[in-house]
Amino acid sequence: MLEDWLRMLWREVERLELPVVADRIPGVSARFLESSFGKVVPSEVAGWFGACNGVMHRSGQTQNDAALIPGYEPLSVEDSISIKVEYSGEAILLSDFYPLLGSGGGDFYAASYDQDTGLSYVVSVVVGEESRVAYRSISQMAEIFVQCYRDGIFFLDGEGVLQANDEAWIQREMAAVGELPL
């Protein structure tokens, strides 16, 4: 299911001819992830990084050029590990987490897991705000991103910059999570 949603997400990005398509770094294997993170990663994390291992950075590139969704670029495994080390003490990130998307200002989305309880979700971390659960899974996140593109919540403005109707996006996230037990 995740693979299907990720394929559809990248098709939406291709349809809009976003620069990130050309700069997308091919995905990595589960073996590479295990070696990099020092353990077997959850299957959805392997699926996410199996589809894309970040974006190439080039001279003159803007945040918009690297964006998969408004304001956020797909992170490489190396970037994910770096952020993971920096934010290791935040309780909402549970005992095991994997940053997936990041902004130029330090915000990120991370898949978060507690192997002991089986609890898992995707967290939105925004600098200067309280972190919150945004999605129940990576699959749900990818599905909602696809819907946001298709419904015009993610769109190109008159200057070709990827934008979002932030209020509608947050409403989608809140509806996605519902009453998640924490």
N, C-alpha and C. Protein backbone atom coordinates (compact mmCIF):
# COMPACT_ATOMS: atom_id res chain seq x y z
N MET A 1 0.81 -1.18 0.00
CA MET A 1 0.00 0.00 0.00
C MET A 1 0.87 1.26 0.00
N LEU A 2 1.90 1.31 0.88
CA LEU A 2 2.77 2.48 0.92
C LEU A 2 3.42 2.71 -0.44
N GLU A 3 3.92 1.66 -1.05
CA GLU A 3 4.57 1.82 -2.36
C GLU A 3 3.63 2.46 -3.37
N ASP A 4 2.37 2.05 -3.37
CA ASP A 4 1.39 2.64 -4.29
C ASP A 4 1.20 4.12 -4.01
N TRP A 5 1.05 4.50 -2.75
CA TRP A 5 0.86 5.91 -2.41
C TRP A 5 2.09 6.73 -2.75
N LEU A 6 3.27 6.18 -2.53
CA LEU A 6 4.49 6.92 -2.88
C LEU A 6 4.61 7.10 -4.38
N ARG A 7 4.25 6.08 -5.15
CA ARG A 7 4.25 6.22 -6.61
C ARG A 7 3.28 7.32 -7.04
N MET A 8 2.10 7.33 -6.46
CA MET A 8 1.11 8.36 -6.79
C MET A 8 1.60 9.75 -6.37
N LEU A 9 2.25 9.84 -5.22
CA LEU A 9 2.77 11.12 -4.76
C LEU A 9 3.80 11.67 -5.76
N TRP A 10 4.71 10.83 -6.16
CA TRP A 10 5.73 11.28 -7.12
C TRP A 10 5.10 11.60 -8.48
N ARG A 11 4.03 10.91 -8.85
CA ARG A 11 3.32 11.25 -10.10
C ARG A 11 2.70 12.64 -10.01
N GLU A 12 2.15 12.99 -8.86
CA GLU A 12 1.58 14.33 -8.67
C GLU A 12 2.66 15.40 -8.81
N VAL A 13 3.82 15.13 -8.23
CA VAL A 13 4.94 16.06 -8.30
C VAL A 13 5.43 16.19 -9.75
N GLU A 14 5.48 15.05 -10.45
CA GLU A 14 5.87 15.06 -11.87
C GLU A 14 4.85 15.82 -12.70
N ARG A 15 3.57 15.65 -12.42
CA ARG A 15 2.50 16.33 -13.16
C ARG A 15 2.67 17.85 -13.09
N LEU A 16 3.10 18.34 -11.92
CA LEU A 16 3.32 19.77 -11.75
C LEU A 16 4.71 20.21 -12.23
N GLU A 17 5.50 19.24 -12.66
CA GLU A 17 6.86 19.50 -13.16
C GLU A 17 7.72 20.21 -12.12
N LEU A 18 7.63 19.75 -10.88
CA LEU A 18 8.43 20.34 -9.81
C LEU A 18 9.90 19.95 -9.97
N PRO A 19 10.82 20.86 -9.66
CA PRO A 19 12.25 20.59 -9.82
C PRO A 19 12.76 19.39 -9.02
N VAL A 20 12.10 19.05 -7.92
CA VAL A 20 12.56 17.95 -7.08
C VAL A 20 12.61 16.64 -7.86
N VAL A 21 11.81 16.51 -8.89
CA VAL A 21 11.78 15.28 -9.67
C VAL A 21 13.17 14.99 -10.26
N ALA A 22 13.80 16.01 -10.83
CA ALA A 22 15.11 15.83 -11.44
C ALA A 22 16.22 15.63 -10.41
N ASP A 23 16.01 16.12 -9.20
CA ASP A 23 17.04 16.06 -8.17
C ASP A 23 16.86 14.90 -7.19
N ARG A 24 15.84 14.11 -7.40
CA ARG A 24 15.54 12.96 -6.52
C ARG A 24 16.68 11.95 -6.58
N ILE A 25 17.15 11.56 -5.40
CA ILE A 25 18.19 10.53 -5.31
C ILE A 25 17.49 9.18 -5.17
N PRO A 26 17.91 8.19 -5.96
CA PRO A 26 17.25 6.87 -5.88
C PRO A 26 17.26 6.32 -4.46
N GLY A 27 16.27 5.49 -4.19
CA GLY A 27 16.13 4.89 -2.87
C GLY A 27 17.24 3.91 -2.54
N VAL A 28 17.26 3.49 -1.29
CA VAL A 28 18.28 2.58 -0.78
C VAL A 28 17.64 1.29 -0.29
N SER A 29 18.44 0.30 -0.10
CA SER A 29 17.96 -1.02 0.32
C SER A 29 17.76 -1.09 1.83
N ALA A 30 16.99 -2.09 2.24
CA ALA A 30 16.79 -2.33 3.67
C ALA A 30 18.12 -2.67 4.34
N ARG A 31 18.99 -3.33 3.63
CA ARG A 31 20.32 -3.67 4.17
C ARG A 31 21.13 -2.40 4.44
N PHE A 32 21.06 -1.43 3.51
CA PHE A 32 21.74 -0.15 3.70
C PHE A 32 21.17 0.57 4.92
N LEU A 33 19.85 0.56 5.07
CA LEU A 33 19.21 1.20 6.21
C LEU A 33 19.64 0.55 7.52
N GLU A 34 19.67 -0.77 7.55
CA GLU A 34 20.07 -1.49 8.75
C GLU A 34 21.51 -1.13 9.13
N SER A 35 22.37 -1.07 8.14
CA SER A 35 23.76 -0.70 8.38
C SER A 35 23.86 0.75 8.88
N SER A 36 23.09 1.64 8.28
CA SER A 36 23.15 3.06 8.62
C SER A 36 22.57 3.36 10.00
N PHE A 37 21.39 2.79 10.30
CA PHE A 37 20.72 3.06 11.57
C PHE A 37 21.17 2.10 12.68
N GLY A 38 21.90 1.06 12.32
CA GLY A 38 22.41 0.12 13.32
C GLY A 38 21.40 -0.90 13.79
N LYS A 39 20.29 -1.04 13.05
CA LYS A 39 19.25 -2.01 13.40
C LYS A 39 18.28 -2.13 12.24
N VAL A 40 17.46 -3.16 12.30
CA VAL A 40 16.40 -3.32 11.29
C VAL A 40 15.39 -2.21 11.51
N VAL A 41 15.00 -1.55 10.42
CA VAL A 41 14.03 -0.46 10.53
C VAL A 41 12.63 -1.00 10.23
N PRO A 42 11.59 -0.34 10.72
CA PRO A 42 10.22 -0.75 10.40
C PRO A 42 10.00 -0.76 8.88
N SER A 43 9.11 -1.62 8.43
CA SER A 43 8.90 -1.81 6.99
C SER A 43 8.47 -0.53 6.28
N GLU A 44 7.66 0.31 6.91
CA GLU A 44 7.25 1.56 6.25
C GLU A 44 8.43 2.52 6.11
N VAL A 45 9.32 2.53 7.06
CA VAL A 45 10.52 3.37 6.96
C VAL A 45 11.38 2.87 5.81
N ALA A 46 11.51 1.55 5.71
CA ALA A 46 12.27 0.97 4.58
C ALA A 46 11.61 1.31 3.26
N GLY A 47 10.28 1.30 3.22
CA GLY A 47 9.56 1.67 2.00
C GLY A 47 9.78 3.12 1.62
N TRP A 48 9.75 4.01 2.62
CA TRP A 48 9.95 5.44 2.36
C TRP A 48 11.34 5.69 1.77
N PHE A 49 12.38 5.20 2.45
CA PHE A 49 13.74 5.42 1.96
C PHE A 49 14.07 4.56 0.75
N GLY A 50 13.28 3.50 0.53
CA GLY A 50 13.44 2.70 -0.68
C GLY A 50 12.96 3.43 -1.92
N ALA A 51 12.08 4.41 -1.73
CA ALA A 51 11.55 5.20 -2.85
C ALA A 51 12.42 6.41 -3.15
N CYS A 52 13.10 6.95 -2.14
CA CYS A 52 13.88 8.18 -2.33
C CYS A 52 14.84 8.34 -1.15
N ASN A 53 16.09 8.63 -1.45
CA ASN A 53 17.08 8.88 -0.42
C ASN A 53 17.52 10.35 -0.46
N GLY A 54 16.53 11.24 -0.40
CA GLY A 54 16.82 12.66 -0.39
C GLY A 54 16.90 13.26 -1.78
N VAL A 55 17.44 14.46 -1.84
CA VAL A 55 17.59 15.17 -3.12
C VAL A 55 19.02 15.65 -3.25
N MET A 56 19.47 15.73 -4.51
CA MET A 56 20.78 16.31 -4.79
C MET A 56 20.69 17.81 -4.54
N HIS A 57 21.73 18.33 -3.94
CA HIS A 57 21.79 19.77 -3.71
C HIS A 57 22.77 20.36 -4.71
N ARG A 58 22.37 21.46 -5.32
CA ARG A 58 23.18 22.09 -6.36
C ARG A 58 23.24 23.58 -6.14
N SER A 59 24.18 24.21 -6.76
CA SER A 59 24.35 25.65 -6.66
C SER A 59 23.10 26.36 -7.17
N GLY A 60 22.66 27.35 -6.40
CA GLY A 60 21.50 28.14 -6.79
C GLY A 60 20.16 27.50 -6.48
N GLN A 61 20.17 26.31 -5.94
CA GLN A 61 18.93 25.62 -5.62
C GLN A 61 18.22 26.33 -4.46
N THR A 62 16.91 26.46 -4.57
CA THR A 62 16.12 27.06 -3.49
C THR A 62 15.41 25.95 -2.71
N GLN A 63 14.84 26.32 -1.57
CA GLN A 63 14.05 25.36 -0.81
C GLN A 63 12.90 24.84 -1.67
N ASN A 64 12.29 25.73 -2.43
CA ASN A 64 11.19 25.33 -3.31
C ASN A 64 11.65 24.29 -4.34
N ASP A 65 12.86 24.43 -4.85
CA ASP A 65 13.37 23.49 -5.84
C ASP A 65 13.47 22.07 -5.29
N ALA A 66 13.73 21.95 -4.00
CA ALA A 66 13.91 20.64 -3.36
C ALA A 66 12.63 20.09 -2.73
N ALA A 67 11.55 20.88 -2.76
CA ALA A 67 10.34 20.52 -2.02
C ALA A 67 9.54 19.40 -2.68
N LEU A 68 9.22 18.39 -1.89
CA LEU A 68 8.30 17.33 -2.29
C LEU A 68 6.87 17.75 -1.94
N ILE A 69 6.74 18.41 -0.80
CA ILE A 69 5.48 19.03 -0.38
C ILE A 69 5.85 20.46 0.01
N PRO A 70 4.92 21.37 0.12
CA PRO A 70 5.28 22.76 0.41
C PRO A 70 6.15 22.90 1.66
N GLY A 71 7.35 23.45 1.44
CA GLY A 71 8.27 23.74 2.53
C GLY A 71 9.12 22.58 3.02
N TYR A 72 8.90 21.39 2.51
CA TYR A 72 9.61 20.21 3.01
C TYR A 72 10.22 19.39 1.88
N GLU A 73 11.46 19.00 2.08
CA GLU A 73 12.13 18.14 1.12
C GLU A 73 12.31 16.74 1.73
N PRO A 74 12.38 15.72 0.87
CA PRO A 74 12.66 14.38 1.39
C PRO A 74 14.10 14.34 1.91
N LEU A 75 14.26 13.80 3.09
CA LEU A 75 15.58 13.72 3.70
C LEU A 75 16.33 12.49 3.24
N SER A 76 17.65 12.59 3.21
CA SER A 76 18.49 11.43 2.98
C SER A 76 18.62 10.66 4.29
N VAL A 77 19.09 9.45 4.21
CA VAL A 77 19.34 8.66 5.42
C VAL A 77 20.34 9.39 6.31
N GLU A 78 21.37 9.95 5.70
CA GLU A 78 22.39 10.69 6.46
C GLU A 78 21.78 11.87 7.21
N ASP A 79 20.93 12.64 6.52
CA ASP A 79 20.26 13.77 7.18
C ASP A 79 19.32 13.30 8.28
N SER A 80 18.62 12.21 8.03
CA SER A 80 17.71 11.66 9.03
C SER A 80 18.46 11.29 10.31
N ILE A 81 19.59 10.64 10.15
CA ILE A 81 20.40 10.25 11.31
C ILE A 81 20.87 11.48 12.06
N SER A 82 21.30 12.49 11.34
CA SER A 82 21.78 13.73 11.97
C SER A 82 20.67 14.38 12.81
N ILE A 83 19.48 14.48 12.26
CA ILE A 83 18.36 15.07 13.00
C ILE A 83 17.99 14.19 14.18
N LYS A 84 18.01 12.89 13.98
CA LYS A 84 17.66 11.94 15.04
C LYS A 84 18.55 12.14 16.27
N VAL A 85 19.82 12.35 16.05
CA VAL A 85 20.76 12.56 17.15
C VAL A 85 20.44 13.87 17.87
N GLU A 86 20.13 14.91 17.11
CA GLU A 86 19.87 16.23 17.67
C GLU A 86 18.59 16.27 18.51
N TYR A 87 17.56 15.50 18.16
CA TYR A 87 16.26 15.55 18.84
C TYR A 87 15.96 14.31 19.67
N SER A 88 16.95 13.62 20.12
CA SER A 88 16.74 12.33 20.77
C SER A 88 15.97 12.40 22.09
N GLY A 89 15.82 13.57 22.71
CA GLY A 89 15.18 13.63 24.02
C GLY A 89 13.71 14.01 24.03
N GLU A 90 13.10 14.27 22.90
CA GLU A 90 11.71 14.74 22.87
C GLU A 90 10.74 13.56 23.02
N ALA A 91 9.92 13.59 24.07
CA ALA A 91 9.07 12.45 24.44
C ALA A 91 8.09 12.02 23.35
N ILE A 92 7.50 12.96 22.64
CA ILE A 92 6.50 12.59 21.62
C ILE A 92 7.12 11.77 20.49
N LEU A 93 8.44 11.83 20.37
CA LEU A 93 9.12 11.06 19.33
C LEU A 93 9.33 9.60 19.72
N LEU A 94 8.81 9.19 20.85
CA LEU A 94 8.87 7.80 21.32
C LEU A 94 10.31 7.32 21.38
N SER A 95 10.49 6.02 21.53
CA SER A 95 11.83 5.49 21.74
C SER A 95 12.62 5.32 20.45
N ASP A 96 11.93 5.29 19.33
CA ASP A 96 12.59 5.05 18.04
C ASP A 96 11.91 5.91 16.99
N PHE A 97 12.67 6.77 16.32
CA PHE A 97 12.05 7.63 15.31
C PHE A 97 13.00 7.87 14.14
N TYR A 98 12.40 8.22 13.01
CA TYR A 98 13.12 8.38 11.76
C TYR A 98 12.62 9.63 11.03
N PRO A 99 13.37 10.74 11.05
CA PRO A 99 12.98 11.91 10.28
C PRO A 99 12.91 11.58 8.79
N LEU A 100 11.82 12.01 8.14
CA LEU A 100 11.57 11.68 6.74
C LEU A 100 11.60 12.90 5.82
N LEU A 101 11.03 13.99 6.28
CA LEU A 101 10.94 15.24 5.51
C LEU A 101 11.46 16.37 6.38
N GLY A 102 12.18 17.31 5.78
CA GLY A 102 12.70 18.43 6.55
C GLY A 102 12.56 19.74 5.81
N SER A 103 12.55 20.82 6.58
CA SER A 103 12.48 22.16 6.00
C SER A 103 13.84 22.83 6.18
N GLY A 104 14.02 23.93 5.51
CA GLY A 104 15.26 24.68 5.66
C GLY A 104 15.41 25.32 7.03
N GLY A 105 14.30 25.45 7.77
CA GLY A 105 14.33 26.11 9.07
C GLY A 105 14.39 25.17 10.26
N GLY A 106 14.56 23.88 10.03
CA GLY A 106 14.68 22.93 11.13
C GLY A 106 13.41 22.16 11.46
N ASP A 107 12.30 22.45 10.78
CA ASP A 107 11.07 21.67 10.99
C ASP A 107 11.22 20.32 10.29
N PHE A 108 10.51 19.31 10.80
CA PHE A 108 10.56 18.01 10.13
C PHE A 108 9.36 17.15 10.49
N TYR A 109 9.14 16.15 9.67
CA TYR A 109 8.18 15.08 9.94
C TYR A 109 8.99 13.82 10.21
N ALA A 110 8.62 13.08 11.25
CA ALA A 110 9.35 11.86 11.60
C ALA A 110 8.38 10.72 11.91
N ALA A 111 8.69 9.55 11.40
CA ALA A 111 7.97 8.33 11.79
C ALA A 111 8.49 7.95 13.17
N SER A 112 7.57 7.66 14.09
CA SER A 112 7.93 7.42 15.48
C SER A 112 7.35 6.10 15.95
N TYR A 113 8.16 5.31 16.64
CA TYR A 113 7.76 3.96 17.05
C TYR A 113 8.17 3.68 18.48
N ASP A 114 7.35 2.88 19.15
CA ASP A 114 7.70 2.31 20.44
C ASP A 114 7.54 0.80 20.29
N GLN A 115 8.65 0.12 20.17
CA GLN A 115 8.62 -1.32 19.92
C GLN A 115 7.98 -2.10 21.07
N ASP A 116 8.10 -1.59 22.29
CA ASP A 116 7.53 -2.30 23.44
C ASP A 116 6.01 -2.26 23.45
N THR A 117 5.41 -1.13 23.10
CA THR A 117 3.96 -1.00 23.15
C THR A 117 3.28 -1.19 21.79
N GLY A 118 4.07 -1.13 20.71
CA GLY A 118 3.51 -1.24 19.38
C GLY A 118 2.93 0.07 18.86
N LEU A 119 3.04 1.14 19.64
CA LEU A 119 2.52 2.43 19.24
C LEU A 119 3.40 3.01 18.13
N SER A 120 2.76 3.59 17.10
CA SER A 120 3.51 4.25 16.04
C SER A 120 2.65 5.33 15.40
N TYR A 121 3.31 6.37 14.90
CA TYR A 121 2.65 7.48 14.22
C TYR A 121 3.71 8.36 13.59
N VAL A 122 3.26 9.40 12.86
CA VAL A 122 4.17 10.38 12.27
C VAL A 122 3.98 11.69 13.03
N VAL A 123 5.09 12.27 13.45
CA VAL A 123 5.10 13.49 14.24
C VAL A 123 5.52 14.67 13.38
N SER A 124 4.87 15.81 13.59
CA SER A 124 5.28 17.07 12.99
C SER A 124 6.02 17.86 14.06
N VAL A 125 7.27 18.19 13.77
CA VAL A 125 8.08 18.99 14.67
C VAL A 125 8.32 20.33 13.99
N VAL A 126 7.80 21.40 14.60
CA VAL A 126 7.96 22.75 14.07
C VAL A 126 8.69 23.57 15.12
N VAL A 127 9.80 24.17 14.74
CA VAL A 127 10.60 24.96 15.66
C VAL A 127 9.73 26.05 16.29
N GLY A 128 9.78 26.14 17.61
CA GLY A 128 9.04 27.16 18.33
C GLY A 128 7.59 26.79 18.63
N GLU A 129 7.16 25.62 18.22
CA GLU A 129 5.81 25.16 18.50
C GLU A 129 5.87 23.79 19.18
N GLU A 130 4.75 23.40 19.77
CA GLU A 130 4.69 22.08 20.38
C GLU A 130 4.59 21.03 19.29
N SER A 131 5.41 20.00 19.37
CA SER A 131 5.34 18.91 18.40
C SER A 131 4.02 18.18 18.56
N ARG A 132 3.52 17.62 17.45
CA ARG A 132 2.22 16.96 17.50
C ARG A 132 2.19 15.77 16.56
N VAL A 133 1.32 14.84 16.87
CA VAL A 133 1.08 13.71 15.98
C VAL A 133 0.29 14.24 14.79
N ALA A 134 0.78 13.96 13.58
CA ALA A 134 0.15 14.46 12.36
C ALA A 134 -0.54 13.37 11.56
N TYR A 135 -0.01 12.14 11.61
CA TYR A 135 -0.57 11.03 10.83
C TYR A 135 -0.41 9.74 11.63
N ARG A 136 -1.27 8.79 11.34
CA ARG A 136 -1.20 7.49 12.03
C ARG A 136 -0.09 6.60 11.48
N SER A 137 0.34 6.86 10.24
CA SER A 137 1.37 6.03 9.61
C SER A 137 1.98 6.79 8.44
N ILE A 138 3.07 6.27 7.93
CA ILE A 138 3.69 6.85 6.74
C ILE A 138 2.76 6.68 5.54
N SER A 139 2.09 5.54 5.45
CA SER A 139 1.15 5.31 4.35
C SER A 139 0.04 6.35 4.37
N GLN A 140 -0.52 6.62 5.54
CA GLN A 140 -1.57 7.62 5.63
C GLN A 140 -1.03 9.00 5.26
N MET A 141 0.17 9.31 5.67
CA MET A 141 0.78 10.59 5.33
C MET A 141 0.89 10.73 3.81
N ALA A 142 1.42 9.72 3.15
CA ALA A 142 1.58 9.76 1.70
C ALA A 142 0.22 9.88 1.01
N GLU A 143 -0.77 9.15 1.50
CA GLU A 143 -2.12 9.21 0.93
C GLU A 143 -2.69 10.63 1.05
N ILE A 144 -2.54 11.24 2.20
CA ILE A 144 -3.08 12.59 2.39
C ILE A 144 -2.31 13.61 1.56
N PHE A 145 -1.00 13.42 1.40
CA PHE A 145 -0.26 14.32 0.52
C PHE A 145 -0.79 14.23 -0.91
N VAL A 146 -1.06 13.02 -1.37
CA VAL A 146 -1.63 12.84 -2.72
C VAL A 146 -2.96 13.57 -2.81
N GLN A 147 -3.81 13.38 -1.82
CA GLN A 147 -5.12 14.05 -1.81
C GLN A 147 -4.96 15.57 -1.77
N CYS A 148 -3.97 16.06 -1.04
CA CYS A 148 -3.75 17.51 -0.97
C CYS A 148 -3.35 18.06 -2.34
N TYR A 149 -2.55 17.33 -3.09
CA TYR A 149 -2.22 17.75 -4.45
C TYR A 149 -3.48 17.72 -5.32
N ARG A 150 -4.19 16.63 -5.28
CA ARG A 150 -5.37 16.47 -6.15
C ARG A 150 -6.48 17.45 -5.82
N ASP A 151 -6.61 17.84 -4.55
CA ASP A 151 -7.68 18.74 -4.14
C ASP A 151 -7.26 20.21 -4.16
N GLY A 152 -6.04 20.49 -4.61
CA GLY A 152 -5.59 21.87 -4.71
C GLY A 152 -5.13 22.49 -3.40
N ILE A 153 -4.98 21.70 -2.36
CA ILE A 153 -4.46 22.20 -1.09
C ILE A 153 -2.97 22.49 -1.25
N PHE A 154 -2.27 21.67 -2.02
CA PHE A 154 -0.90 21.93 -2.44
C PHE A 154 -1.01 22.41 -3.89
N PHE A 155 -0.42 23.56 -4.20
CA PHE A 155 -0.59 24.14 -5.53
C PHE A 155 0.60 25.04 -5.88
N LEU A 156 0.74 25.33 -7.16
CA LEU A 156 1.75 26.28 -7.62
C LEU A 156 1.11 27.66 -7.70
N ASP A 157 1.79 28.65 -7.12
CA ASP A 157 1.27 30.01 -7.23
C ASP A 157 1.65 30.59 -8.59
N GLY A 158 1.30 31.84 -8.82
CA GLY A 158 1.55 32.48 -10.10
C GLY A 158 3.01 32.57 -10.48
N GLU A 159 3.91 32.45 -9.50
CA GLU A 159 5.35 32.51 -9.76
C GLU A 159 5.97 31.12 -9.83
N GLY A 160 5.14 30.08 -9.78
CA GLY A 160 5.65 28.71 -9.86
C GLY A 160 6.20 28.17 -8.56
N VAL A 161 5.87 28.81 -7.44
CA VAL A 161 6.32 28.36 -6.13
C VAL A 161 5.27 27.44 -5.53
N LEU A 162 5.71 26.29 -5.02
CA LEU A 162 4.81 25.34 -4.39
C LEU A 162 4.30 25.93 -3.08
N GLN A 163 3.00 26.02 -2.95
CA GLN A 163 2.35 26.60 -1.78
C GLN A 163 1.35 25.61 -1.20
N ALA A 164 0.81 25.98 -0.04
CA ALA A 164 -0.23 25.17 0.60
C ALA A 164 -1.28 26.08 1.21
N ASN A 165 -2.50 25.60 1.20
CA ASN A 165 -3.54 26.20 2.02
C ASN A 165 -3.32 25.57 3.39
N ASP A 166 -2.55 26.27 4.23
CA ASP A 166 -2.11 25.69 5.51
C ASP A 166 -3.27 25.28 6.41
N GLU A 167 -4.31 26.08 6.44
CA GLU A 167 -5.46 25.75 7.29
C GLU A 167 -6.11 24.44 6.86
N ALA A 168 -6.31 24.27 5.57
CA ALA A 168 -6.91 23.02 5.07
C ALA A 168 -5.98 21.83 5.31
N TRP A 169 -4.67 22.06 5.17
CA TRP A 169 -3.68 21.00 5.40
C TRP A 169 -3.73 20.55 6.85
N ILE A 170 -3.72 21.48 7.78
CA ILE A 170 -3.78 21.14 9.21
C ILE A 170 -5.09 20.42 9.53
N GLN A 171 -6.19 20.86 8.93
CA GLN A 171 -7.47 20.18 9.15
C GLN A 171 -7.40 18.73 8.68
N ARG A 172 -6.76 18.50 7.55
CA ARG A 172 -6.59 17.12 7.06
C ARG A 172 -5.77 16.30 8.05
N GLU A 173 -4.72 16.90 8.57
CA GLU A 173 -3.89 16.18 9.54
C GLU A 173 -4.68 15.86 10.81
N MET A 174 -5.41 16.81 11.29
CA MET A 174 -6.20 16.59 12.51
C MET A 174 -7.26 15.51 12.29
N ALA A 175 -7.90 15.52 11.14
CA ALA A 175 -8.90 14.49 10.82
C ALA A 175 -8.24 13.12 10.67
N ALA A 176 -7.01 13.10 10.15
CA ALA A 176 -6.29 11.84 9.95
C ALA A 176 -5.97 11.17 11.27
N VAL A 177 -5.61 11.96 12.26
CA VAL A 177 -5.21 11.42 13.54
C VAL A 177 -6.41 11.07 14.40
N GLY A 178 -7.44 11.91 14.37
CA GLY A 178 -8.63 11.64 15.18
C GLY A 178 -8.25 11.56 16.64
N GLU A 179 -8.76 10.56 17.28
CA GLU A 179 -8.51 10.36 18.71
C GLU A 179 -7.47 9.27 18.91
N LEU A 180 -6.26 9.56 18.53
CA LEU A 180 -5.15 8.62 18.69
C LEU A 180 -4.78 8.52 20.16
N PRO A 181 -4.79 7.33 20.73
CA PRO A 181 -4.40 7.19 22.14
C PRO A 181 -2.91 7.40 22.31
N LEU A 182 -2.54 8.29 23.20
CA LEU A 182 -1.12 8.56 23.44
C LEU A 182 -0.75 8.23 24.86
